[in-house]
């Protein structure tokens, strides 16, 4: 059940490709959720590039890579998949723990497999314990630390990350 008492079940969650008009909502979810796993866990140099406008710009640019989760007509989460990488997965705070993320990650895995890949990967900062537990529960395995080049619009910022992999 979410904050307003609405009961969510898997039949209530609809997944679909993002549309241009979804970009502002995707940006709001992304901007609101990003600090939860990243503040204190990424280099300070990246913080200057993660203002509200940057999420709006990137969400608009990435519509083609994005799938959204919709509940009662509202976009409540999204994934961005590029090749064999699950690049982003976010769920609005009011819908966390209700199965939305499970639906999104299952769909991302299916899309990666359908694109001809036999394994998927993602990057997560080491201090994002909540996300790491979620991935591990879903069968993803930690393959170790590496430097992830976070997009900034100019030179990427190298972010210490853990590489998680799942055979599909």
Protein backbone atom coordinates (compact mmCIF):
# COMPACT_ATOMS: atom_id res chain seq x y z
CA UNK A 1 0.00 0.00 0.00
CA UNK A 2 1.35 3.46 -0.77
CA UNK A 3 1.24 6.59 1.38
CA UNK A 4 -2.34 7.45 0.50
CA UNK A 5 -3.51 3.93 1.41
CA UNK A 6 -3.86 2.70 -2.18
CA UNK A 7 -3.22 -1.02 -2.46
CA UNK A 8 -0.77 -1.86 -5.24
CA UNK A 9 -0.60 -5.28 -6.85
CA UNK A 10 1.26 -6.36 -9.96
CA UNK A 11 -1.92 -6.03 -12.05
CA UNK A 12 -2.12 -2.37 -11.01
CA UNK A 13 1.35 -1.59 -12.42
CA UNK A 14 1.53 -1.06 -16.18
CA UNK A 15 4.86 -0.83 -17.97
CA UNK A 16 5.22 0.98 -21.28
CA UNK A 17 7.83 2.81 -23.33
CA UNK A 18 8.30 6.38 -22.17
CA UNK A 19 6.80 9.20 -24.20
CA UNK A 20 8.15 12.70 -24.65
CA UNK A 21 5.47 14.08 -22.34
CA UNK A 22 6.70 11.73 -19.56
CA UNK A 23 10.13 13.39 -19.41
CA UNK A 24 9.24 16.02 -16.75
CA UNK A 25 7.83 13.35 -14.42
CA UNK A 26 10.80 11.05 -15.03
CA UNK A 27 13.09 13.97 -14.21
CA UNK A 28 11.23 14.71 -10.94
CA UNK A 29 11.43 11.06 -9.81
CA UNK A 30 15.10 10.86 -10.79
CA UNK A 31 16.03 14.17 -9.14
CA UNK A 32 14.15 13.29 -5.93
CA UNK A 33 15.60 9.76 -5.71
CA UNK A 34 19.19 10.39 -6.76
CA UNK A 35 20.36 11.84 -3.40
CA UNK A 36 19.12 8.74 -1.53
CA UNK A 37 21.83 6.53 -2.94
CA UNK A 38 24.41 9.04 -4.08
CA UNK A 39 24.91 11.86 -1.56
CA UNK A 40 28.01 11.04 0.43
CA UNK A 41 28.77 8.15 -1.93
CA UNK A 42 30.03 9.94 -5.05
CA UNK A 43 32.87 12.42 -5.63
CA UNK A 44 31.96 16.01 -4.77
CA UNK A 45 32.91 16.94 -8.34
CA UNK A 46 29.77 15.16 -9.59
CA UNK A 47 27.38 17.09 -7.32
CA UNK A 48 27.80 20.30 -9.33
CA UNK A 49 26.40 18.48 -12.38
CA UNK A 50 23.36 16.97 -10.65
CA UNK A 51 21.10 19.98 -10.27
CA UNK A 52 17.39 19.85 -11.13
CA UNK A 53 17.94 21.13 -14.67
CA UNK A 54 20.42 18.34 -15.43
CA UNK A 55 17.82 15.68 -14.63
CA UNK A 56 15.28 17.43 -16.86
CA UNK A 57 17.73 17.63 -19.74
CA UNK A 58 18.89 14.03 -19.41
CA UNK A 59 15.34 12.64 -19.00
CA UNK A 60 14.27 14.41 -22.22
CA UNK A 61 17.33 13.12 -24.09
CA UNK A 62 16.83 9.54 -22.89
CA UNK A 63 13.11 8.95 -23.61
CA UNK A 64 13.95 6.32 -26.26
CA UNK A 65 15.93 4.26 -23.69
CA UNK A 66 13.27 4.53 -20.99
CA UNK A 67 10.42 2.36 -19.80
CA UNK A 68 7.98 3.77 -17.26
CA UNK A 69 5.84 2.15 -14.58
CA UNK A 70 2.34 3.59 -14.42
CA UNK A 71 -0.15 3.25 -11.56
CA UNK A 72 -3.62 4.78 -11.88
CA UNK A 73 -2.46 6.87 -14.82
CA UNK A 74 0.59 8.28 -13.01
CA UNK A 75 4.24 7.54 -13.89
CA UNK A 76 5.73 6.23 -10.63
CA UNK A 77 9.06 4.77 -11.75
CA UNK A 78 11.33 4.09 -14.70
CA UNK A 79 14.31 2.21 -16.08
CA UNK A 80 16.84 3.21 -18.71
CA UNK A 81 18.51 0.39 -20.63
CA UNK A 82 21.40 0.77 -23.06
CA UNK A 83 22.72 -2.39 -24.70
CA UNK A 84 23.34 -4.90 -21.91
CA UNK A 85 23.41 -2.25 -19.15
CA UNK A 86 20.56 -1.44 -16.81
CA UNK A 87 21.68 2.15 -16.54
CA UNK A 88 18.98 3.64 -14.30
CA UNK A 89 16.15 2.31 -12.14
CA UNK A 90 14.13 4.65 -9.94
CA UNK A 91 10.78 4.47 -8.17
CA UNK A 92 8.98 7.43 -6.59
CA UNK A 93 9.34 7.31 -2.79
CA UNK A 94 5.62 6.72 -2.18
CA UNK A 95 5.74 3.55 -4.31
CA UNK A 96 8.91 1.93 -2.98
CA UNK A 97 8.58 -1.51 -1.43
CA UNK A 98 5.34 -2.23 -3.30
CA UNK A 99 6.65 -4.32 -6.19
CA UNK A 100 7.12 -1.52 -8.73
CA UNK A 101 10.90 -1.96 -8.77
CA UNK A 102 10.47 -5.74 -9.16
CA UNK A 103 8.27 -5.19 -12.21
CA UNK A 104 10.71 -2.68 -13.68
CA UNK A 105 13.83 -4.80 -13.19
CA UNK A 106 12.12 -7.92 -14.59
CA UNK A 107 11.14 -5.94 -17.67
CA UNK A 108 14.66 -4.50 -18.06
CA UNK A 109 16.13 -8.02 -17.86
CA UNK A 110 13.63 -9.22 -20.48
CA UNK A 111 14.49 -6.31 -22.80
CA UNK A 112 18.22 -6.95 -22.47
CA UNK A 113 17.71 -10.67 -23.18
CA UNK A 114 15.45 -9.85 -26.16
CA UNK A 115 18.24 -7.65 -27.56
CA UNK A 116 20.45 -10.76 -27.74
CA UNK A 117 22.47 -10.46 -24.54
CA UNK A 118 22.93 -13.43 -22.22
CA UNK A 119 23.91 -11.28 -19.26
CA UNK A 120 23.06 -7.84 -17.94
CA UNK A 121 25.12 -5.50 -15.83
CA UNK A 122 24.68 -2.36 -13.78
CA UNK A 123 26.76 -0.02 -11.66
CA UNK A 124 25.90 0.93 -8.10
CA UNK A 125 27.91 3.04 -5.67
CA UNK A 126 29.29 0.94 -2.78
CA UNK A 127 27.48 3.00 -0.13
CA UNK A 128 24.03 2.45 -1.63
CA UNK A 129 23.24 -0.51 0.61
CA UNK A 130 19.49 -0.49 -0.05
CA UNK A 131 19.97 -0.84 -3.81
CA UNK A 132 22.67 -3.45 -3.40
CA UNK A 133 20.38 -5.60 -1.21
CA UNK A 134 17.60 -5.28 -3.79
CA UNK A 135 19.86 -6.38 -6.66
CA UNK A 136 21.21 -9.32 -4.66
CA UNK A 137 17.66 -10.47 -3.79
CA UNK A 138 16.91 -10.36 -7.51
CA UNK A 139 19.85 -12.68 -8.35
CA UNK A 140 22.45 -10.10 -9.37
CA UNK A 141 26.02 -10.76 -8.19
CA UNK A 142 28.69 -8.28 -7.20
CA UNK A 143 31.63 -8.60 -9.61
CA UNK A 144 33.80 -6.04 -7.85
CA UNK A 145 34.79 -2.42 -7.90
CA UNK A 146 35.45 -0.34 -11.00
CA UNK A 147 35.39 3.32 -12.05
CA UNK A 148 32.12 4.34 -13.71
CA UNK A 149 32.34 7.40 -16.01
CA UNK A 150 29.34 9.53 -14.91
CA UNK A 151 28.07 11.84 -17.65
CA UNK A 152 28.39 15.54 -16.93
CA UNK A 153 27.93 17.18 -20.33
CA UNK A 154 31.68 17.75 -20.56
CA UNK A 155 34.37 15.48 -19.13
CA UNK A 156 32.85 12.53 -17.25
CA UNK A 157 33.47 12.23 -13.52
CA UNK A 158 34.93 8.86 -12.51
CA UNK A 159 32.75 7.38 -9.77
CA UNK A 160 33.86 4.40 -7.67
CA UNK A 161 31.18 1.76 -8.26
CA UNK A 162 30.41 -1.91 -7.86
CA UNK A 163 29.63 -3.87 -11.02
CA UNK A 164 26.64 -6.17 -10.61
CA UNK A 165 25.96 -8.86 -13.22
CA UNK A 166 23.10 -11.24 -13.88
CA UNK A 167 23.01 -14.15 -16.33
CA UNK A 168 19.77 -14.05 -18.28
